[in-house]
Amino acid sequence: MSIDPLWKRLRSVDWEKAGISPESGKKLTKLLQDLAAKKEVRAMKASQKLWSFVKANPSFSGPIRPYLQEIFHISEPAVRDEINDLIDLG
């Protein structure tokens, strides 16, 4: 049995179950997908936007934590530092 890729799982997340509006959920999905990008520049931009978004909405920290942890393991060292900062927000 194969596990679906991260992008596919992110697109099927029911953010409303976590108390996150559909609009915010869509933004979180996009930012997390960009954070997982192979291109470091794209991932770094996403981390900065995600940090601002989560800082303004602290309740998002819990629901995105498992995805941040997963992305951490596939990221470059510089992006990992950013992900650690995101995890520390929660």
C-alpha atoms as a PDB file:
ATOM      1  CA  MET A   1       0.000   0.000   0.000  1.00  0.00           C
ATOM      2  CA  SER A   2       1.421   3.382  -0.965  1.00  0.00           C
ATOM      3  CA  ILE A   3       1.069   6.581   0.985  1.00  0.00           C
ATOM      4  CA  ASP A   4      -0.287   9.561  -0.909  1.00  0.00           C
ATOM      5  CA  PRO A   5       2.211  12.352  -1.564  1.00  0.00           C
ATOM      6  CA  LEU A   6       2.169  15.334   0.769  1.00  0.00           C
ATOM      7  CA  TRP A   7       0.608  17.695  -1.773  1.00  0.00           C
ATOM      8  CA  LYS A   8      -2.308  15.319  -2.281  1.00  0.00           C
ATOM      9  CA  ARG A   9      -2.872  14.838   1.435  1.00  0.00           C
ATOM     10  CA  LEU A  10      -2.743  18.591   2.019  1.00  0.00           C
ATOM     11  CA  ARG A  11      -5.396  19.186  -0.607  1.00  0.00           C
ATOM     12  CA  SER A  12      -7.739  16.755   1.131  1.00  0.00           C
ATOM     13  CA  VAL A  13      -7.346  18.185   4.659  1.00  0.00           C
ATOM     14  CA  ASP A  14     -10.632  19.269   6.220  1.00  0.00           C
ATOM     15  CA  TRP A  15      -9.340  22.429   7.871  1.00  0.00           C
ATOM     16  CA  GLU A  16     -12.816  23.276   9.149  1.00  0.00           C
ATOM     17  CA  LYS A  17     -12.574  20.342  11.597  1.00  0.00           C
ATOM     18  CA  ALA A  18      -9.666  22.229  13.159  1.00  0.00           C
ATOM     19  CA  GLY A  19     -11.711  25.435  13.301  1.00  0.00           C
ATOM     20  CA  ILE A  20      -9.992  26.993  10.306  1.00  0.00           C
ATOM     21  CA  SER A  21     -12.044  28.745   7.657  1.00  0.00           C
ATOM     22  CA  PRO A  22     -12.004  27.362   4.104  1.00  0.00           C
ATOM     23  CA  GLU A  23     -10.235  30.501   2.891  1.00  0.00           C
ATOM     24  CA  SER A  24      -7.495  30.243   5.516  1.00  0.00           C
ATOM     25  CA  GLY A  25      -7.256  26.493   4.933  1.00  0.00           C
ATOM     26  CA  LYS A  26      -6.662  27.066   1.250  1.00  0.00           C
ATOM     27  CA  LYS A  27      -3.902  29.545   2.077  1.00  0.00           C
ATOM     28  CA  LEU A  28      -2.322  27.137   4.575  1.00  0.00           C
ATOM     29  CA  THR A  29      -2.403  24.344   1.997  1.00  0.00           C
ATOM     30  CA  LYS A  30      -0.622  26.501  -0.577  1.00  0.00           C
ATOM     31  CA  LEU A  31       1.983  27.760   1.884  1.00  0.00           C
ATOM     32  CA  LEU A  32       2.747  24.270   3.187  1.00  0.00           C
ATOM     33  CA  GLN A  33       3.079  22.952  -0.362  1.00  0.00           C
ATOM     34  CA  ASP A  34       5.477  25.787  -1.187  1.00  0.00           C
ATOM     35  CA  LEU A  35       7.405  25.155   2.037  1.00  0.00           C
ATOM     36  CA  ALA A  36       7.960  21.575   0.861  1.00  0.00           C
ATOM     37  CA  ALA A  37       9.224  22.753  -2.546  1.00  0.00           C
ATOM     38  CA  LYS A  38      12.596  21.543  -3.810  1.00  0.00           C
ATOM     39  CA  LYS A  39      13.555  25.118  -4.705  1.00  0.00           C
ATOM     40  CA  GLU A  40      15.020  26.672  -1.585  1.00  0.00           C
ATOM     41  CA  VAL A  41      14.026  30.227  -2.543  1.00  0.00           C
ATOM     42  CA  ARG A  42      10.384  29.205  -2.895  1.00  0.00           C
ATOM     43  CA  ALA A  43      10.467  27.326   0.407  1.00  0.00           C
ATOM     44  CA  MET A  44      12.089  30.246   2.223  1.00  0.00           C
ATOM     45  CA  LYS A  45       9.483  32.712   0.934  1.00  0.00           C
ATOM     46  CA  ALA A  46       6.742  30.345   1.999  1.00  0.00           C
ATOM     47  CA  SER A  47       8.252  29.993   5.467  1.00  0.00           C
ATOM     48  CA  GLN A  48       8.254  33.759   5.953  1.00  0.00           C
ATOM     49  CA  LYS A  49       4.651  34.092   4.790  1.00  0.00           C
ATOM     50  CA  LEU A  50       3.604  31.120   6.887  1.00  0.00           C
ATOM     51  CA  TRP A  51       5.328  32.556   9.953  1.00  0.00           C
ATOM     52  CA  SER A  52       3.396  35.830   9.584  1.00  0.00           C
ATOM     53  CA  PHE A  53       0.135  33.994   8.953  1.00  0.00           C
ATOM     54  CA  VAL A  54       0.517  31.698  11.964  1.00  0.00           C
ATOM     55  CA  LYS A  55       1.758  34.544  14.183  1.00  0.00           C
ATOM     56  CA  ALA A  56      -1.484  36.396  13.401  1.00  0.00           C
ATOM     57  CA  ASN A  57      -3.524  33.187  13.922  1.00  0.00           C
ATOM     58  CA  PRO A  58      -1.867  31.214  16.754  1.00  0.00           C
ATOM     59  CA  SER A  59      -4.594  28.565  16.736  1.00  0.00           C
ATOM     60  CA  PHE A  60      -3.200  27.330  13.397  1.00  0.00           C
ATOM     61  CA  SER A  61      -0.008  26.085  15.072  1.00  0.00           C
ATOM     62  CA  GLY A  62      -1.448  22.790  16.291  1.00  0.00           C
ATOM     63  CA  PRO A  63      -3.139  21.671  13.073  1.00  0.00           C
ATOM     64  CA  ILE A  64      -0.078  22.389  10.896  1.00  0.00           C
ATOM     65  CA  ARG A  65       2.530  20.912  13.267  1.00  0.00           C
ATOM     66  CA  PRO A  66       2.444  17.353  11.808  1.00  0.00           C
ATOM     67  CA  TYR A  67       2.950  18.752   8.312  1.00  0.00           C
ATOM     68  CA  LEU A  68       5.818  20.968   9.464  1.00  0.00           C
ATOM     69  CA  GLN A  69       7.493  17.971  11.066  1.00  0.00           C
ATOM     70  CA  GLU A  70       7.110  15.941   7.889  1.00  0.00           C
ATOM     71  CA  ILE A  71       8.408  18.750   5.683  1.00  0.00           C
ATOM     72  CA  PHE A  72      11.356  19.258   8.043  1.00  0.00           C
ATOM     73  CA  HIS A  73      12.696  15.810   7.160  1.00  0.00           C
ATOM     74  CA  ILE A  74      12.745  16.494   3.416  1.00  0.00           C
ATOM     75  CA  SER A  75      14.075  20.060   3.548  1.00  0.00           C
ATOM     76  CA  GLU A  76      17.443  21.702   3.109  1.00  0.00           C
ATOM     77  CA  PRO A  77      19.246  22.876   6.288  1.00  0.00           C
ATOM     78  CA  ALA A  78      18.339  26.572   5.840  1.00  0.00           C
ATOM     79  CA  VAL A  79      14.674  25.694   5.429  1.00  0.00           C
ATOM     80  CA  ARG A  80      14.866  23.404   8.465  1.00  0.00           C
ATOM     81  CA  ASP A  81      15.902  26.379  10.583  1.00  0.00           C
ATOM     82  CA  GLU A  82      12.826  28.248   9.396  1.00  0.00           C
ATOM     83  CA  ILE A  83      10.602  25.264  10.125  1.00  0.00           C
ATOM     84  CA  ASN A  84      12.013  25.086  13.655  1.00  0.00           C
ATOM     85  CA  ASP A  85      10.997  28.730  14.111  1.00  0.00           C
ATOM     86  CA  LEU A  86       7.491  27.864  12.911  1.00  0.00           C
ATOM     87  CA  ILE A  87       7.240  24.916  15.272  1.00  0.00           C
ATOM     88  CA  ASP A  88       8.399  27.137  18.143  1.00  0.00           C
ATOM     89  CA  LEU A  89       5.460  29.497  17.505  1.00  0.00           C
ATOM     90  CA  GLY A  90       3.119  26.885  18.946  1.00  0.00           C
END
